[in-house]
Amino acid sequence: QVQLVESGGGLVQPGGSLRLSCAASGIISSIYPMGWYRQAPGKQRDLVADITRNGNINYADSVKGRFTISRDNAKNTIYLQMNNLRPEDTAVYFCYVNPGSTYWGQGTQVTVSS
């Protein structure tokens, strides 16, 4: 059974940083696309960043230069380093893996506020 567990969310002031983690079990995640989406209240779930099967990385325009996605294959874990956070980054962040169908984590809340 595939499971994804996110951690690392919280409350941070504008300009601050957070690092999200997503640990996968029940699957060798390194050979499948993985990434992060986010959903703000009343809005749709949007792509933040992902790593494709061949290692290519994509970022939403709104986070380019501020967020970095990475993968630790030995730990079956992906990360999202978020720097220079803005109030508009406030959302629930979800990781996913797609071995043919999409599996989602439970989400972790990120709140950027002074």
C-alpha atoms as a PDB file:
ATOM      1  CA  GLN A   1       0.000   0.000   0.000  1.00  0.00           C
ATOM      2  CA  VAL A   2       1.401   3.357  -1.054  1.00  0.00           C
ATOM      3  CA  GLN A   3       1.570   5.977   1.678  1.00  0.00           C
ATOM      4  CA  LEU A   4       2.929   9.510   1.651  1.00  0.00           C
ATOM      5  CA  VAL A   5       3.529  11.427   4.867  1.00  0.00           C
ATOM      6  CA  GLU A   6       4.276  15.151   4.731  1.00  0.00           C
ATOM      7  CA  SER A   7       5.874  17.199   7.471  1.00  0.00           C
ATOM      8  CA  GLY A   8       7.517  20.566   7.993  1.00  0.00           C
ATOM      9  CA  GLY A   9       4.643  22.996   7.645  1.00  0.00           C
ATOM     10  CA  GLY A  10       3.932  25.772  10.088  1.00  0.00           C
ATOM     11  CA  LEU A  11       3.614  29.483  10.667  1.00  0.00           C
ATOM     12  CA  VAL A  12       6.360  31.744   9.349  1.00  0.00           C
ATOM     13  CA  GLN A  13       6.776  35.474   8.837  1.00  0.00           C
ATOM     14  CA  PRO A  14       7.053  36.948   5.341  1.00  0.00           C
ATOM     15  CA  GLY A  15      10.595  36.520   4.055  1.00  0.00           C
ATOM     16  CA  GLY A  16      11.126  33.412   6.153  1.00  0.00           C
ATOM     17  CA  SER A  17      11.878  29.833   5.144  1.00  0.00           C
ATOM     18  CA  LEU A  18      10.444  26.375   5.637  1.00  0.00           C
ATOM     19  CA  ARG A  19      11.413  22.931   4.399  1.00  0.00           C
ATOM     20  CA  LEU A  20       8.701  20.399   3.676  1.00  0.00           C
ATOM     21  CA  SER A  21       9.388  16.671   3.589  1.00  0.00           C
ATOM     22  CA  CYS A  22       7.379  13.875   2.010  1.00  0.00           C
ATOM     23  CA  ALA A  23       8.301  10.318   2.955  1.00  0.00           C
ATOM     24  CA  ALA A  24       6.990   7.538   0.722  1.00  0.00           C
ATOM     25  CA  SER A  25       6.387   3.935   1.710  1.00  0.00           C
ATOM     26  CA  GLY A  26       5.084   0.946  -0.201  1.00  0.00           C
ATOM     27  CA  ILE A  27       6.735   2.142  -3.392  1.00  0.00           C
ATOM     28  CA  ILE A  28      10.183   2.849  -4.817  1.00  0.00           C
ATOM     29  CA  SER A  29       9.403   6.496  -5.357  1.00  0.00           C
ATOM     30  CA  SER A  30      12.652   7.346  -7.140  1.00  0.00           C
ATOM     31  CA  ILE A  31      11.465   5.773 -10.394  1.00  0.00           C
ATOM     32  CA  TYR A  32       8.177   7.672 -10.580  1.00  0.00           C
ATOM     33  CA  PRO A  33       7.150  11.303 -10.961  1.00  0.00           C
ATOM     34  CA  MET A  34       6.746  13.045  -7.631  1.00  0.00           C
ATOM     35  CA  GLY A  35       6.046  16.559  -6.587  1.00  0.00           C
ATOM     36  CA  TRP A  36       4.125  19.146  -4.626  1.00  0.00           C
ATOM     37  CA  TYR A  37       0.800  20.862  -5.114  1.00  0.00           C
ATOM     38  CA  ARG A  38      -0.838  23.463  -2.925  1.00  0.00           C
ATOM     39  CA  GLN A  39      -4.395  24.546  -2.268  1.00  0.00           C
ATOM     40  CA  ALA A  40      -5.411  27.831  -0.732  1.00  0.00           C
ATOM     41  CA  PRO A  41      -8.904  28.287   0.794  1.00  0.00           C
ATOM     42  CA  GLY A  42     -11.534  28.564  -1.916  1.00  0.00           C
ATOM     43  CA  LYS A  43      -9.065  27.876  -4.712  1.00  0.00           C
ATOM     44  CA  GLN A  44      -8.125  24.880  -6.847  1.00  0.00           C
ATOM     45  CA  ARG A  45      -5.119  22.677  -6.171  1.00  0.00           C
ATOM     46  CA  ASP A  46      -2.177  23.957  -8.215  1.00  0.00           C
ATOM     47  CA  LEU A  47       1.209  22.517  -9.085  1.00  0.00           C
ATOM     48  CA  VAL A  48       4.134  23.980  -7.143  1.00  0.00           C
ATOM     49  CA  ALA A  49       7.027  21.805  -8.331  1.00  0.00           C
ATOM     50  CA  ASP A  50       7.657  18.312  -9.573  1.00  0.00           C
ATOM     51  CA  ILE A  51      10.391  15.888 -10.597  1.00  0.00           C
ATOM     52  CA  THR A  52       9.642  13.792 -13.653  1.00  0.00           C
ATOM     53  CA  ARG A  53      10.587  10.156 -14.185  1.00  0.00           C
ATOM     54  CA  ASN A  54      13.838  11.156 -15.940  1.00  0.00           C
ATOM     55  CA  GLY A  55      14.774  13.728 -13.323  1.00  0.00           C
ATOM     56  CA  ASN A  56      13.564  16.901 -15.003  1.00  0.00           C
ATOM     57  CA  ILE A  57      12.295  19.537 -12.595  1.00  0.00           C
ATOM     58  CA  ASN A  58       9.419  21.943 -13.158  1.00  0.00           C
ATOM     59  CA  TYR A  59       8.343  24.913 -11.059  1.00  0.00           C
ATOM     60  CA  ALA A  60       5.298  27.127 -11.075  1.00  0.00           C
ATOM     61  CA  ASP A  61       6.248  30.612 -12.239  1.00  0.00           C
ATOM     62  CA  SER A  62       5.173  32.053  -8.894  1.00  0.00           C
ATOM     63  CA  VAL A  63       7.810  30.082  -6.961  1.00  0.00           C
ATOM     64  CA  LYS A  64      10.759  30.067  -9.395  1.00  0.00           C
ATOM     65  CA  GLY A  65      13.902  31.323  -7.718  1.00  0.00           C
ATOM     66  CA  ARG A  66      12.421  30.903  -4.237  1.00  0.00           C
ATOM     67  CA  PHE A  67      11.513  27.212  -3.934  1.00  0.00           C
ATOM     68  CA  THR A  68      13.723  24.180  -4.572  1.00  0.00           C
ATOM     69  CA  ILE A  69      12.504  20.611  -4.926  1.00  0.00           C
ATOM     70  CA  SER A  70      14.896  17.745  -4.265  1.00  0.00           C
ATOM     71  CA  ARG A  71      14.841  14.005  -3.824  1.00  0.00           C
ATOM     72  CA  ASP A  72      16.739  11.639  -1.521  1.00  0.00           C
ATOM     73  CA  ASN A  73      16.380   8.224  -3.117  1.00  0.00           C
ATOM     74  CA  ALA A  74      18.017   6.423  -0.213  1.00  0.00           C
ATOM     75  CA  LYS A  75      15.325   7.788   2.123  1.00  0.00           C
ATOM     76  CA  ASN A  76      12.479   7.499  -0.402  1.00  0.00           C
ATOM     77  CA  THR A  77      11.768  11.143   0.378  1.00  0.00           C
ATOM     78  CA  ILE A  78      11.294  14.378  -1.503  1.00  0.00           C
ATOM     79  CA  TYR A  79      11.738  17.861  -0.082  1.00  0.00           C
ATOM     80  CA  LEU A  80      10.545  21.354  -0.849  1.00  0.00           C
ATOM     81  CA  GLN A  81      12.821  24.106   0.387  1.00  0.00           C
ATOM     82  CA  MET A  82      10.827  27.326   0.482  1.00  0.00           C
ATOM     83  CA  ASN A  83      12.676  30.617   0.881  1.00  0.00           C
ATOM     84  CA  ASN A  84      11.536  34.236   0.861  1.00  0.00           C
ATOM     85  CA  LEU A  85       8.012  33.154   1.674  1.00  0.00           C
ATOM     86  CA  ARG A  86       5.124  35.491   0.894  1.00  0.00           C
ATOM     87  CA  PRO A  87       1.586  35.707   2.329  1.00  0.00           C
ATOM     88  CA  GLU A  88       0.267  34.392  -0.995  1.00  0.00           C
ATOM     89  CA  ASP A  89       2.196  31.150  -0.405  1.00  0.00           C
ATOM     90  CA  THR A  90      -0.242  30.347   2.417  1.00  0.00           C
ATOM     91  CA  ALA A  91      -1.934  27.056   1.567  1.00  0.00           C
ATOM     92  CA  VAL A  92      -2.133  23.372   2.372  1.00  0.00           C
ATOM     93  CA  TYR A  93       0.748  21.665   0.593  1.00  0.00           C
ATOM     94  CA  PHE A  94       0.277  18.138  -0.726  1.00  0.00           C
ATOM     95  CA  CYS A  95       2.878  15.787  -2.114  1.00  0.00           C
ATOM     96  CA  TYR A  96       2.055  13.154  -4.696  1.00  0.00           C
ATOM     97  CA  VAL A  97       3.565  10.188  -6.491  1.00  0.00           C
ATOM     98  CA  ASN A  98       2.321   8.803  -9.780  1.00  0.00           C
ATOM     99  CA  PRO A  99       3.189   5.180 -10.591  1.00  0.00           C
ATOM    100  CA  GLY A 100       0.313   5.137 -13.044  1.00  0.00           C
ATOM    101  CA  SER A 101      -2.346   6.516 -10.759  1.00  0.00           C
ATOM    102  CA  THR A 102      -1.871   9.422  -8.386  1.00  0.00           C
ATOM    103  CA  TYR A 103      -1.407   8.976  -4.662  1.00  0.00           C
ATOM    104  CA  TRP A 104      -1.609  11.970  -2.328  1.00  0.00           C
ATOM    105  CA  GLY A 105      -0.338  12.733   1.117  1.00  0.00           C
ATOM    106  CA  GLN A 106      -2.586  14.151   3.828  1.00  0.00           C
ATOM    107  CA  GLY A 107      -1.298  17.690   3.380  1.00  0.00           C
ATOM    108  CA  THR A 108       0.608  20.091   5.605  1.00  0.00           C
ATOM    109  CA  GLN A 109      -0.452  23.650   6.378  1.00  0.00           C
ATOM    110  CA  VAL A 110       1.877  26.520   5.533  1.00  0.00           C
ATOM    111  CA  THR A 111       0.869  29.935   6.842  1.00  0.00           C
ATOM    112  CA  VAL A 112       2.881  33.038   5.989  1.00  0.00           C
ATOM    113  CA  SER A 113       1.824  35.960   8.150  1.00  0.00           C
ATOM    114  CA  SER A 114       3.261  38.697  10.311  1.00  0.00           C
END
